């Protein structure tokens, strides 16, 4: 199962996801494990 969570807040992202994709200006700039990209 997959879902999309879009947020400017880091807590929901870290609490509910295992992998993140980080876009900027329409381009994917980073992706990988949530713990590597989001600090809580």
C-alpha atoms as a PDB file:
ATOM      1  CA  UNK A   1       0.000   0.000   0.000  1.00  0.00           C
ATOM      2  CA  UNK A   2       1.238   3.517  -0.735  1.00  0.00           C
ATOM      3  CA  UNK A   3      -0.013   6.952   0.162  1.00  0.00           C
ATOM      4  CA  UNK A   4       1.102  10.544  -0.189  1.00  0.00           C
ATOM      5  CA  UNK A   5       1.555  12.908   2.742  1.00  0.00           C
ATOM      6  CA  UNK A   6       2.332  16.515   1.838  1.00  0.00           C
ATOM      7  CA  UNK A   7       3.344  18.724   4.742  1.00  0.00           C
ATOM      8  CA  UNK A   8       5.556  21.631   5.736  1.00  0.00           C
ATOM      9  CA  UNK A   9       5.648  20.262   9.276  1.00  0.00           C
ATOM     10  CA  UNK A  10       8.323  17.689  10.055  1.00  0.00           C
ATOM     11  CA  UNK A  11       6.546  15.876  12.918  1.00  0.00           C
ATOM     12  CA  UNK A  12       3.770  14.243  10.847  1.00  0.00           C
ATOM     13  CA  UNK A  13       6.273  13.298   8.167  1.00  0.00           C
ATOM     14  CA  UNK A  14       8.618  11.636  10.668  1.00  0.00           C
ATOM     15  CA  UNK A  15       5.765   9.975  12.561  1.00  0.00           C
ATOM     16  CA  UNK A  16       3.973   8.421   9.594  1.00  0.00           C
ATOM     17  CA  UNK A  17       6.498   7.774   6.843  1.00  0.00           C
ATOM     18  CA  UNK A  18       9.483   5.521   6.278  1.00  0.00           C
ATOM     19  CA  UNK A  19      10.687   7.104   3.038  1.00  0.00           C
ATOM     20  CA  UNK A  20      10.561  10.700   1.840  1.00  0.00           C
ATOM     21  CA  UNK A  21      10.860  12.400  -1.536  1.00  0.00           C
ATOM     22  CA  UNK A  22      11.746  16.097  -1.307  1.00  0.00           C
ATOM     23  CA  UNK A  23      10.814  18.318  -4.265  1.00  0.00           C
ATOM     24  CA  UNK A  24      11.981  21.862  -4.932  1.00  0.00           C
ATOM     25  CA  UNK A  25      10.808  23.997  -7.845  1.00  0.00           C
ATOM     26  CA  UNK A  26       9.230  20.971  -9.506  1.00  0.00           C
ATOM     27  CA  UNK A  27      12.394  18.858  -9.339  1.00  0.00           C
ATOM     28  CA  UNK A  28      13.164  15.971  -7.005  1.00  0.00           C
ATOM     29  CA  UNK A  29      16.192  17.068  -4.956  1.00  0.00           C
ATOM     30  CA  UNK A  30      16.385  14.302  -2.328  1.00  0.00           C
ATOM     31  CA  UNK A  31      14.853  10.955  -1.440  1.00  0.00           C
ATOM     32  CA  UNK A  32      15.527   8.138   0.954  1.00  0.00           C
ATOM     33  CA  UNK A  33      14.838   7.036   4.526  1.00  0.00           C
ATOM     34  CA  UNK A  34      12.912   9.568   6.582  1.00  0.00           C
ATOM     35  CA  UNK A  35      15.491   9.501   9.365  1.00  0.00           C
ATOM     36  CA  UNK A  36      18.202  10.667   6.957  1.00  0.00           C
ATOM     37  CA  UNK A  37      16.254  13.727   5.767  1.00  0.00           C
ATOM     38  CA  UNK A  38      13.885  14.811   8.558  1.00  0.00           C
ATOM     39  CA  UNK A  39      14.915  15.768  12.084  1.00  0.00           C
ATOM     40  CA  UNK A  40      12.268  15.541  14.803  1.00  0.00           C
END
